[in-house]
Amino acid sequence: MVPGHSKTGRGVLNGVQNPVSTAFAELWHGLFRVARALAATAVVWRAHLWGMDTRDEPLIMTGEQVAELLQVSPRTIEEWRQTNSGPPFRRVGRHVRYLRPEVLAWFQELVRHG
């Protein structure tokens, strides 16, 4: 809350309409709305690569699909899995599966630290 402002008397300070105070309050509330919208958008985009349309892509992927996505050989994916240096994976019985958002998030971390 901005000092001197209330929901009923925005821009009123000591009973006097203050245009600077009003402008500041409007700017403050506008920035707050933008910050909330950006935070919500960041959650959606966190696990996606910029410019990549993922709406038709599978959520659960095989090692071969991950290899194709990352443009490496399936053998590289297998080696990464065995040394715990690749993207997170899960076992479904004897089958290994990857979640697409986790693979993309892992890749983005490589860019930041590489």
C-alpha atoms as a PDB file:
ATOM      1  CA  MET A   1       0.000   0.000   0.000  1.00  0.00           C
ATOM      2  CA  VAL A   2       1.279   3.461  -0.863  1.00  0.00           C
ATOM      3  CA  PRO A   3       1.401   5.873   2.096  1.00  0.00           C
ATOM      4  CA  GLY A   4      -1.446   8.381   2.068  1.00  0.00           C
ATOM      5  CA  HIS A   5      -3.653   6.240  -0.151  1.00  0.00           C
ATOM      6  CA  SER A   6      -6.674   4.173   0.552  1.00  0.00           C
ATOM      7  CA  LYS A   7      -9.055   2.325  -1.695  1.00  0.00           C
ATOM      8  CA  THR A   8     -11.649   5.035  -1.290  1.00  0.00           C
ATOM      9  CA  GLY A   9      -9.370   8.073  -1.466  1.00  0.00           C
ATOM     10  CA  ARG A  10      -6.544   7.288  -3.877  1.00  0.00           C
ATOM     11  CA  GLY A  11      -4.459  10.414  -4.430  1.00  0.00           C
ATOM     12  CA  VAL A  12      -5.852  12.194  -1.400  1.00  0.00           C
ATOM     13  CA  LEU A  13      -3.285  13.271   1.174  1.00  0.00           C
ATOM     14  CA  ASN A  14      -4.533  15.109   4.247  1.00  0.00           C
ATOM     15  CA  GLY A  15      -7.859  15.708   2.511  1.00  0.00           C
ATOM     16  CA  VAL A  16      -6.277  17.421  -0.540  1.00  0.00           C
ATOM     17  CA  GLN A  17      -6.183  15.912  -4.027  1.00  0.00           C
ATOM     18  CA  ASN A  18      -2.504  15.504  -4.965  1.00  0.00           C
ATOM     19  CA  PRO A  19      -1.883  14.914  -8.713  1.00  0.00           C
ATOM     20  CA  VAL A  20       1.670  13.635  -8.172  1.00  0.00           C
ATOM     21  CA  SER A  21       0.487  11.238  -5.516  1.00  0.00           C
ATOM     22  CA  THR A  22      -2.313  10.051  -7.802  1.00  0.00           C
ATOM     23  CA  ALA A  23       0.091   9.470 -10.687  1.00  0.00           C
ATOM     24  CA  PHE A  24       2.494   7.598  -8.419  1.00  0.00           C
ATOM     25  CA  ALA A  25      -0.289   5.395  -7.077  1.00  0.00           C
ATOM     26  CA  GLU A  26      -1.512   4.552 -10.577  1.00  0.00           C
ATOM     27  CA  LEU A  27       2.030   3.737 -11.677  1.00  0.00           C
ATOM     28  CA  TRP A  28       2.605   1.618  -8.572  1.00  0.00           C
ATOM     29  CA  HIS A  29      -0.571  -0.415  -9.058  1.00  0.00           C
ATOM     30  CA  GLY A  30       0.110  -0.810 -12.787  1.00  0.00           C
ATOM     31  CA  LEU A  31       3.601  -2.142 -12.135  1.00  0.00           C
ATOM     32  CA  PHE A  32       2.224  -4.550  -9.570  1.00  0.00           C
ATOM     33  CA  ARG A  33      -0.265  -5.927 -12.128  1.00  0.00           C
ATOM     34  CA  VAL A  34       2.511  -6.322 -14.708  1.00  0.00           C
ATOM     35  CA  ALA A  35       4.747  -8.103 -12.182  1.00  0.00           C
ATOM     36  CA  ARG A  36       1.978 -10.587 -11.354  1.00  0.00           C
ATOM     37  CA  ALA A  37       1.351 -11.251 -15.042  1.00  0.00           C
ATOM     38  CA  LEU A  38       5.065 -11.786 -15.711  1.00  0.00           C
ATOM     39  CA  ALA A  39       5.373 -14.173 -12.792  1.00  0.00           C
ATOM     40  CA  ALA A  40       2.489 -16.263 -14.121  1.00  0.00           C
ATOM     41  CA  THR A  41       4.016 -16.276 -17.608  1.00  0.00           C
ATOM     42  CA  ALA A  42       7.417 -17.335 -16.262  1.00  0.00           C
ATOM     43  CA  VAL A  43       5.875 -20.457 -14.768  1.00  0.00           C
ATOM     44  CA  VAL A  44       4.504 -21.442 -18.173  1.00  0.00           C
ATOM     45  CA  TRP A  45       7.699 -20.688 -20.127  1.00  0.00           C
ATOM     46  CA  ARG A  46      10.241 -21.943 -17.593  1.00  0.00           C
ATOM     47  CA  ALA A  47      10.463 -25.387 -19.149  1.00  0.00           C
ATOM     48  CA  HIS A  48      10.244 -24.330 -22.790  1.00  0.00           C
ATOM     49  CA  LEU A  49      12.845 -23.204 -25.236  1.00  0.00           C
ATOM     50  CA  TRP A  50      12.158 -19.800 -26.779  1.00  0.00           C
ATOM     51  CA  GLY A  51      10.640 -20.058 -30.228  1.00  0.00           C
ATOM     52  CA  MET A  52       9.767 -23.716 -29.886  1.00  0.00           C
ATOM     53  CA  ASP A  53       6.148 -24.773 -30.328  1.00  0.00           C
ATOM     54  CA  THR A  54       5.527 -27.678 -27.954  1.00  0.00           C
ATOM     55  CA  ARG A  55       1.738 -27.968 -28.084  1.00  0.00           C
ATOM     56  CA  ASP A  56       1.771 -31.105 -30.257  1.00  0.00           C
ATOM     57  CA  GLU A  57       4.767 -32.727 -28.588  1.00  0.00           C
ATOM     58  CA  PRO A  58       4.388 -35.669 -26.185  1.00  0.00           C
ATOM     59  CA  LEU A  59       4.717 -35.020 -22.473  1.00  0.00           C
ATOM     60  CA  ILE A  60       6.277 -38.435 -21.803  1.00  0.00           C
ATOM     61  CA  MET A  61       9.224 -39.277 -24.041  1.00  0.00           C
ATOM     62  CA  THR A  62      11.448 -42.247 -24.794  1.00  0.00           C
ATOM     63  CA  GLY A  63      15.231 -42.025 -24.879  1.00  0.00           C
ATOM     64  CA  GLU A  64      15.112 -41.970 -28.683  1.00  0.00           C
ATOM     65  CA  GLN A  65      12.716 -39.001 -28.647  1.00  0.00           C
ATOM     66  CA  VAL A  66      14.945 -37.160 -26.168  1.00  0.00           C
ATOM     67  CA  ALA A  67      17.966 -37.857 -28.379  1.00  0.00           C
ATOM     68  CA  GLU A  68      16.110 -36.419 -31.370  1.00  0.00           C
ATOM     69  CA  LEU A  69      15.009 -33.365 -29.389  1.00  0.00           C
ATOM     70  CA  LEU A  70      18.541 -32.645 -28.141  1.00  0.00           C
ATOM     71  CA  GLN A  71      20.118 -33.636 -31.486  1.00  0.00           C
ATOM     72  CA  VAL A  72      22.436 -36.228 -29.980  1.00  0.00           C
ATOM     73  CA  SER A  73      22.646 -39.997 -30.481  1.00  0.00           C
ATOM     74  CA  PRO A  74      20.486 -42.371 -28.442  1.00  0.00           C
ATOM     75  CA  ARG A  75      23.750 -43.884 -27.146  1.00  0.00           C
ATOM     76  CA  THR A  76      24.708 -40.481 -25.682  1.00  0.00           C
ATOM     77  CA  ILE A  77      21.381 -40.333 -23.831  1.00  0.00           C
ATOM     78  CA  GLU A  78      22.031 -43.835 -22.479  1.00  0.00           C
ATOM     79  CA  GLU A  79      25.544 -42.871 -21.321  1.00  0.00           C
ATOM     80  CA  TRP A  80      24.209 -39.718 -19.641  1.00  0.00           C
ATOM     81  CA  ARG A  81      21.585 -41.806 -17.844  1.00  0.00           C
ATOM     82  CA  GLN A  82      24.177 -44.322 -16.620  1.00  0.00           C
ATOM     83  CA  THR A  83      26.454 -41.569 -15.285  1.00  0.00           C
ATOM     84  CA  ASN A  84      23.603 -39.404 -13.924  1.00  0.00           C
ATOM     85  CA  SER A  85      24.790 -36.482 -16.041  1.00  0.00           C
ATOM     86  CA  GLY A  86      21.773 -36.208 -18.327  1.00  0.00           C
ATOM     87  CA  PRO A  87      18.180 -35.096 -17.938  1.00  0.00           C
ATOM     88  CA  PRO A  88      16.059 -36.594 -15.146  1.00  0.00           C
ATOM     89  CA  PHE A  89      14.355 -39.866 -16.037  1.00  0.00           C
ATOM     90  CA  ARG A  90      11.919 -42.389 -14.583  1.00  0.00           C
ATOM     91  CA  ARG A  91      11.568 -46.106 -14.907  1.00  0.00           C
ATOM     92  CA  VAL A  92       8.242 -47.666 -15.781  1.00  0.00           C
ATOM     93  CA  GLY A  93       9.003 -51.303 -15.173  1.00  0.00           C
ATOM     94  CA  ARG A  94      12.028 -51.900 -17.370  1.00  0.00           C
ATOM     95  CA  HIS A  95      11.277 -48.930 -19.607  1.00  0.00           C
ATOM     96  CA  VAL A  96      12.988 -45.547 -19.203  1.00  0.00           C
ATOM     97  CA  ARG A  97      10.878 -42.434 -19.736  1.00  0.00           C
ATOM     98  CA  TYR A  98      11.523 -38.701 -19.614  1.00  0.00           C
ATOM     99  CA  LEU A  99       9.164 -35.790 -18.992  1.00  0.00           C
ATOM    100  CA  ARG A 100       9.534 -33.172 -21.714  1.00  0.00           C
ATOM    101  CA  PRO A 101       9.413 -30.118 -19.373  1.00  0.00           C
ATOM    102  CA  GLU A 102      12.179 -31.632 -17.230  1.00  0.00           C
ATOM    103  CA  VAL A 103      14.364 -32.334 -20.272  1.00  0.00           C
ATOM    104  CA  LEU A 104      13.945 -28.754 -21.491  1.00  0.00           C
ATOM    105  CA  ALA A 105      14.596 -27.340 -18.015  1.00  0.00           C
ATOM    106  CA  TRP A 106      17.758 -29.469 -17.758  1.00  0.00           C
ATOM    107  CA  PHE A 107      18.900 -28.169 -21.143  1.00  0.00           C
ATOM    108  CA  GLN A 108      18.283 -24.556 -20.131  1.00  0.00           C
ATOM    109  CA  GLU A 109      20.423 -25.063 -17.026  1.00  0.00           C
ATOM    110  CA  LEU A 110      23.272 -26.219 -19.284  1.00  0.00           C
ATOM    111  CA  VAL A 111      23.059 -22.941 -21.195  1.00  0.00           C
ATOM    112  CA  ARG A 112      23.234 -20.935 -17.982  1.00  0.00           C
ATOM    113  CA  HIS A 113      26.195 -22.836 -16.549  1.00  0.00           C
ATOM    114  CA  GLY A 114      27.995 -23.861 -19.737  1.00  0.00           C
END
